[in-house]
C-alpha atoms as a PDB file:
ATOM      1  CA  MET A   1      -4.066  -8.780 -19.686  1.00  0.00           C
ATOM      2  CA  SER A   2      -1.667  -6.194 -18.304  1.00  0.00           C
ATOM      3  CA  PRO A   3      -2.587  -4.212 -15.337  1.00  0.00           C
ATOM      4  CA  ARG A   4      -4.001  -1.024 -15.699  1.00  0.00           C
ATOM      5  CA  PRO A   5      -3.069   1.834 -13.055  1.00  0.00           C
ATOM      6  CA  THR A   6      -5.709   3.006 -10.634  1.00  0.00           C
ATOM      7  CA  GLY A   7      -4.146   5.856  -8.306  1.00  0.00           C
ATOM      8  CA  ARG A   8      -5.220   8.898  -8.147  1.00  0.00           C
ATOM      9  CA  LEU A   9      -3.550  12.287  -6.665  1.00  0.00           C
ATOM     10  CA  PHE A  10      -5.311  14.676  -4.214  1.00  0.00           C
ATOM     11  CA  ARG A  11      -3.431  18.149  -3.266  1.00  0.00           C
ATOM     12  CA  THR A  12      -3.796  18.633   0.114  1.00  0.00           C
ATOM     13  CA  GLY A  13      -2.567  21.640   2.690  1.00  0.00           C
ATOM     14  CA  GLU A  14      -0.107  19.615   3.416  1.00  0.00           C
ATOM     15  CA  GLY A  15       1.206  18.057   0.552  1.00  0.00           C
ATOM     16  CA  SER A  16      -0.591  15.293  -1.742  1.00  0.00           C
ATOM     17  CA  ASP A  17      -2.313  12.114  -1.313  1.00  0.00           C
ATOM     18  CA  LEU A  18      -1.930   9.216  -3.411  1.00  0.00           C
ATOM     19  CA  VAL A  19      -4.637   7.394  -3.237  1.00  0.00           C
ATOM     20  CA  LEU A  20      -5.582   3.515  -4.542  1.00  0.00           C
ATOM     21  CA  THR A  21      -8.596   1.483  -3.745  1.00  0.00           C
ATOM     22  CA  ARG A  22      -9.233  -2.129  -4.195  1.00  0.00           C
ATOM     23  CA  THR A  23     -12.437  -4.006  -3.273  1.00  0.00           C
ATOM     24  CA  PHE A  24     -12.912  -7.332  -1.876  1.00  0.00           C
ATOM     25  CA  ARG A  25     -15.683  -9.688  -1.429  1.00  0.00           C
ATOM     26  CA  ALA A  26     -15.002 -10.449   2.199  1.00  0.00           C
ATOM     27  CA  PRO A  27     -15.998  -8.535   5.490  1.00  0.00           C
ATOM     28  CA  ALA A  28     -13.757  -5.978   6.778  1.00  0.00           C
ATOM     29  CA  GLU A  29     -12.358  -8.309   9.976  1.00  0.00           C
ATOM     30  CA  ASP A  30     -11.055 -10.713   7.168  1.00  0.00           C
ATOM     31  CA  VAL A  31      -9.301  -7.706   4.993  1.00  0.00           C
ATOM     32  CA  TRP A  32      -8.106  -6.343   8.510  1.00  0.00           C
ATOM     33  CA  ALA A  33      -6.087  -9.492   9.253  1.00  0.00           C
ATOM     34  CA  SER A  34      -4.236  -9.735   5.328  1.00  0.00           C
ATOM     35  CA  LEU A  35      -3.200  -6.159   6.219  1.00  0.00           C
ATOM     36  CA  THR A  36      -2.092  -7.047   9.842  1.00  0.00           C
ATOM     37  CA  GLU A  37      -1.201 -10.441  10.734  1.00  0.00           C
ATOM     38  CA  PRO A  38       2.047 -11.414   9.968  1.00  0.00           C
ATOM     39  CA  GLU A  39       1.902 -14.760   8.694  1.00  0.00           C
ATOM     40  CA  ARG A  40      -0.934 -12.883   6.252  1.00  0.00           C
ATOM     41  CA  THR A  41       1.026  -9.785   5.670  1.00  0.00           C
ATOM     42  CA  ALA A  42       4.012 -12.317   4.311  1.00  0.00           C
ATOM     43  CA  ARG A  43       1.983 -13.662   1.481  1.00  0.00           C
ATOM     44  CA  TRP A  44       2.042 -10.232  -0.445  1.00  0.00           C
ATOM     45  CA  TYR A  45       4.612  -7.339   1.037  1.00  0.00           C
ATOM     46  CA  GLY A  46       6.434  -9.463   4.020  1.00  0.00           C
ATOM     47  CA  PRO A  47       6.482 -10.915   7.537  1.00  0.00           C
ATOM     48  CA  TRP A  48       6.620  -8.156  10.697  1.00  0.00           C
ATOM     49  CA  GLU A  49       7.817  -8.771  13.860  1.00  0.00           C
ATOM     50  CA  GLY A  50       7.412  -7.111  17.347  1.00  0.00           C
ATOM     51  CA  ASP A  51       4.604  -5.523  19.684  1.00  0.00           C
ATOM     52  CA  ALA A  52       2.237  -3.650  17.207  1.00  0.00           C
ATOM     53  CA  GLY A  53       0.223  -1.065  18.691  1.00  0.00           C
ATOM     54  CA  PRO A  54      -0.186   2.949  18.823  1.00  0.00           C
ATOM     55  CA  GLY A  55       3.271   4.406  19.062  1.00  0.00           C
ATOM     56  CA  ARG A  56       5.351   1.508  18.720  1.00  0.00           C
ATOM     57  CA  THR A  57       7.532  -0.254  15.818  1.00  0.00           C
ATOM     58  CA  ILE A  58       7.559  -2.968  14.635  1.00  0.00           C
ATOM     59  CA  LYS A  59      10.670  -4.670  11.873  1.00  0.00           C
ATOM     60  CA  VAL A  60       8.881  -5.361   8.743  1.00  0.00           C
ATOM     61  CA  GLN A  61      10.471  -7.408   5.729  1.00  0.00           C
ATOM     62  CA  LEU A  62       9.846  -6.281   2.183  1.00  0.00           C
ATOM     63  CA  VAL A  63      10.243  -9.736   0.640  1.00  0.00           C
ATOM     64  CA  PHE A  64       9.060  -8.111  -2.662  1.00  0.00           C
ATOM     65  CA  GLU A  65      12.226  -6.003  -3.346  1.00  0.00           C
ATOM     66  CA  GLU A  66      15.762  -6.314  -3.958  1.00  0.00           C
ATOM     67  CA  GLN A  67      17.912  -8.247  -1.086  1.00  0.00           C
ATOM     68  CA  ALA A  68      14.257  -8.697   1.096  1.00  0.00           C
ATOM     69  CA  PRO A  69      15.357  -5.740   3.487  1.00  0.00           C
ATOM     70  CA  TRP A  70      13.739  -5.360   6.978  1.00  0.00           C
ATOM     71  CA  MET A  71      12.987  -1.679   7.685  1.00  0.00           C
ATOM     72  CA  ASP A  72      11.502  -0.029  11.011  1.00  0.00           C
ATOM     73  CA  LEU A  73       7.745   0.819  10.470  1.00  0.00           C
ATOM     74  CA  LEU A  74       6.144   2.957  13.253  1.00  0.00           C
ATOM     75  CA  VAL A  75       2.452   2.379  13.820  1.00  0.00           C
ATOM     76  CA  GLU A  76       0.909   5.536  14.028  1.00  0.00           C
ATOM     77  CA  GLU A  77      -2.649   4.927  14.943  1.00  0.00           C
ATOM     78  CA  CYS A  78      -4.896   1.809  14.953  1.00  0.00           C
ATOM     79  CA  ASP A  79      -8.800   1.399  14.994  1.00  0.00           C
ATOM     80  CA  PRO A  80      -9.075  -2.074  13.838  1.00  0.00           C
ATOM     81  CA  PRO A  81     -10.361  -3.010  11.520  1.00  0.00           C
ATOM     82  CA  ARG A  82     -11.374   0.734  10.151  1.00  0.00           C
ATOM     83  CA  ARG A  83      -8.270   2.326  10.003  1.00  0.00           C
ATOM     84  CA  LEU A  84      -3.862   1.883  10.441  1.00  0.00           C
ATOM     85  CA  ALA A  85      -1.579   4.850  10.067  1.00  0.00           C
ATOM     86  CA  VAL A  86       1.915   3.725   9.654  1.00  0.00           C
ATOM     87  CA  SER A  87       5.090   5.692   8.851  1.00  0.00           C
ATOM     88  CA  ALA A  88       8.668   5.185   7.989  1.00  0.00           C
ATOM     89  CA  THR A  89      11.874   6.719   6.872  1.00  0.00           C
ATOM     90  CA  ASP A  90      14.573   5.291   4.525  1.00  0.00           C
ATOM     91  CA  GLU A  91      17.124   6.463   2.497  1.00  0.00           C
ATOM     92  CA  TRP A  92      14.381   7.103   0.100  1.00  0.00           C
ATOM     93  CA  GLY A  93      12.786  10.072   2.252  1.00  0.00           C
ATOM     94  CA  ARG A  94       9.980   9.644   4.875  1.00  0.00           C
ATOM     95  CA  TRP A  95       6.588   7.462   4.024  1.00  0.00           C
ATOM     96  CA  ARG A  96       3.445   8.213   5.649  1.00  0.00           C
ATOM     97  CA  ILE A  97       0.876   5.459   4.894  1.00  0.00           C
ATOM     98  CA  GLU A  98      -2.951   5.003   5.589  1.00  0.00           C
ATOM     99  CA  LEU A  99      -4.800   1.641   5.198  1.00  0.00           C
ATOM    100  CA  LEU A 100      -9.062   2.692   5.205  1.00  0.00           C
ATOM    101  CA  LEU A 101     -11.580  -0.088   5.595  1.00  0.00           C
ATOM    102  CA  SER A 102     -15.538   0.434   4.621  1.00  0.00           C
ATOM    103  CA  GLU A 103     -17.700  -2.594   4.394  1.00  0.00           C
ATOM    104  CA  ASN A 104     -20.854  -2.535   2.822  1.00  0.00           C
ATOM    105  CA  ASP A 105     -23.110  -5.171   1.063  1.00  0.00           C
ATOM    106  CA  GLY A 106     -20.407  -7.828   2.049  1.00  0.00           C
ATOM    107  CA  SER A 107     -17.792  -5.998   0.037  1.00  0.00           C
ATOM    108  CA  THR A 108     -15.021  -4.224   2.183  1.00  0.00           C
ATOM    109  CA  GLU A 109     -12.918  -1.449  -0.073  1.00  0.00           C
ATOM    110  CA  LEU A 110      -9.674  -0.742   0.604  1.00  0.00           C
ATOM    111  CA  ARG A 111      -8.343   3.046   0.276  1.00  0.00           C
ATOM    112  CA  PHE A 112      -4.504   3.103   0.352  1.00  0.00           C
ATOM    113  CA  VAL A 113      -3.102   6.571   1.150  1.00  0.00           C
ATOM    114  CA  HIS A 114      -0.065   7.442   0.900  1.00  0.00           C
ATOM    115  CA  HIS A 115       0.595  11.175   2.196  1.00  0.00           C
ATOM    116  CA  LEU A 116       3.326  12.714  -0.037  1.00  0.00           C
ATOM    117  CA  ASP A 117       5.705  15.151   1.152  1.00  0.00           C
ATOM    118  CA  SER A 118       6.661  16.109  -2.306  1.00  0.00           C
ATOM    119  CA  GLU A 119       5.197  14.688  -5.770  1.00  0.00           C
ATOM    120  CA  GLU A 120       8.532  13.628  -7.330  1.00  0.00           C
ATOM    121  CA  GLY A 121       9.241  10.122  -8.111  1.00  0.00           C
ATOM    122  CA  LEU A 122       5.526   9.230  -8.379  1.00  0.00           C
ATOM    123  CA  GLY A 123       6.309   7.613 -11.750  1.00  0.00           C
ATOM    124  CA  GLU A 124       8.411   5.227  -9.792  1.00  0.00           C
ATOM    125  CA  VAL A 125       6.302   5.075  -6.495  1.00  0.00           C
ATOM    126  CA  GLY A 126       2.786   4.845  -7.929  1.00  0.00           C
ATOM    127  CA  PRO A 127       3.465   1.362  -9.870  1.00  0.00           C
ATOM    128  CA  GLY A 128       5.063  -0.209  -7.027  1.00  0.00           C
ATOM    129  CA  TRP A 129       1.649   0.580  -4.852  1.00  0.00           C
ATOM    130  CA  GLU A 130      -0.274  -0.571  -7.825  1.00  0.00           C
ATOM    131  CA  TYR A 131       1.692  -4.152  -7.892  1.00  0.00           C
ATOM    132  CA  TYR A 132       1.593  -4.416  -4.160  1.00  0.00           C
ATOM    133  CA  LEU A 133      -2.093  -4.122  -3.776  1.00  0.00           C
ATOM    134  CA  ASP A 134      -2.484  -6.429  -6.637  1.00  0.00           C
ATOM    135  CA  LEU A 135      -0.221  -9.033  -4.393  1.00  0.00           C
ATOM    136  CA  LEU A 136      -2.385  -8.385  -1.840  1.00  0.00           C
ATOM    137  CA  VAL A 137      -5.408  -9.104  -4.446  1.00  0.00           C
ATOM    138  CA  ALA A 138      -3.515 -12.313  -5.579  1.00  0.00           C
ATOM    139  CA  ALA A 139      -2.772 -13.345  -2.048  1.00  0.00           C
ATOM    140  CA  ARG A 140      -6.544 -13.608  -0.730  1.00  0.00           C
ATOM    141  CA  ASP A 141      -8.035 -14.724  -3.832  1.00  0.00           C
ATOM    142  CA  GLY A 142      -5.287 -17.369  -4.925  1.00  0.00           C
ATOM    143  CA  SER A 143      -4.994 -15.804  -8.456  1.00  0.00           C
ATOM    144  CA  PRO A 144      -1.371 -15.743  -9.957  1.00  0.00           C
ATOM    145  CA  THR A 145       1.280 -13.497  -8.305  1.00  0.00           C
ATOM    146  CA  PRO A 146       1.698 -10.538 -11.028  1.00  0.00           C
ATOM    147  CA  ASP A 147       4.844  -9.608 -12.048  1.00  0.00           C
ATOM    148  CA  PHE A 148       6.301  -6.347 -11.408  1.00  0.00           C
ATOM    149  CA  ASP A 149       7.472  -5.999 -15.037  1.00  0.00           C
ATOM    150  CA  ASP A 150       4.307  -5.574 -15.720  1.00  0.00           C
ATOM    151  CA  TYR A 151       3.962  -2.422 -13.882  1.00  0.00           C
ATOM    152  CA  PHE A 152       7.305  -0.644 -14.437  1.00  0.00           C
ATOM    153  CA  PRO A 153       8.329   0.826 -16.510  1.00  0.00           C
ATOM    154  CA  ALA A 154       4.628   0.488 -18.153  1.00  0.00           C
ATOM    155  CA  MET A 155       2.483   2.706 -15.517  1.00  0.00           C
ATOM    156  CA  LYS A 156       5.229   5.439 -14.942  1.00  0.00           C
ATOM    157  CA  PRO A 157       3.876   7.433 -18.052  1.00  0.00           C
ATOM    158  CA  TYR A 158       0.508   7.586 -15.757  1.00  0.00           C
ATOM    159  CA  PHE A 159       2.076   8.549 -12.310  1.00  0.00           C
ATOM    160  CA  ASP A 160       4.141  11.248 -13.893  1.00  0.00           C
ATOM    161  CA  ASP A 161       1.161  12.991 -15.909  1.00  0.00           C
ATOM    162  CA  LEU A 162      -0.447  13.007 -11.922  1.00  0.00           C
ATOM    163  CA  ALA A 163       2.261  14.862 -10.912  1.00  0.00           C
ATOM    164  CA  ALA A 164       2.409  17.261 -13.849  1.00  0.00           C
ATOM    165  CA  GLY A 165      -1.471  17.607 -13.478  1.00  0.00           C
ATOM    166  CA  THR A 166      -1.986  16.211 -17.251  1.00  0.00           C
ATOM    167  CA  ALA A 167      -3.930  13.007 -16.144  1.00  0.00           C
END
């Protein structure tokens, strides 16, 4: 079974927000730990090191990217276990990400929000975030690790259509 894209695009006064959600049968504190503890982020994104906190920069290794590079990630805001806002700048541009958790009846919804300065390249970015969030799901529930080739280029037209306003 091929993964299906879930991303939605919301245009705001400051740009656009790409929003993806995943739901976990777990308390918010446990999902928060998967998003913030280095030994747990290593399972789905990459480990990090440094003294984390609002206004501080940590180093994150992107273990599922070519050559597993390290990058600086600024912790903008942190409100455990509900909201984490981070940002980074690299050769591809500026990345502003929010992770929002809400718990209800034993389940926690993660809203992953990528605040976009431009919708250019959404066909490449969107499948990547779908892949990483499904890696998180697999790391949490022990299911097989997804294969990026199932996400890109298969999901590219969906995200291109979102940017074009035709989805």
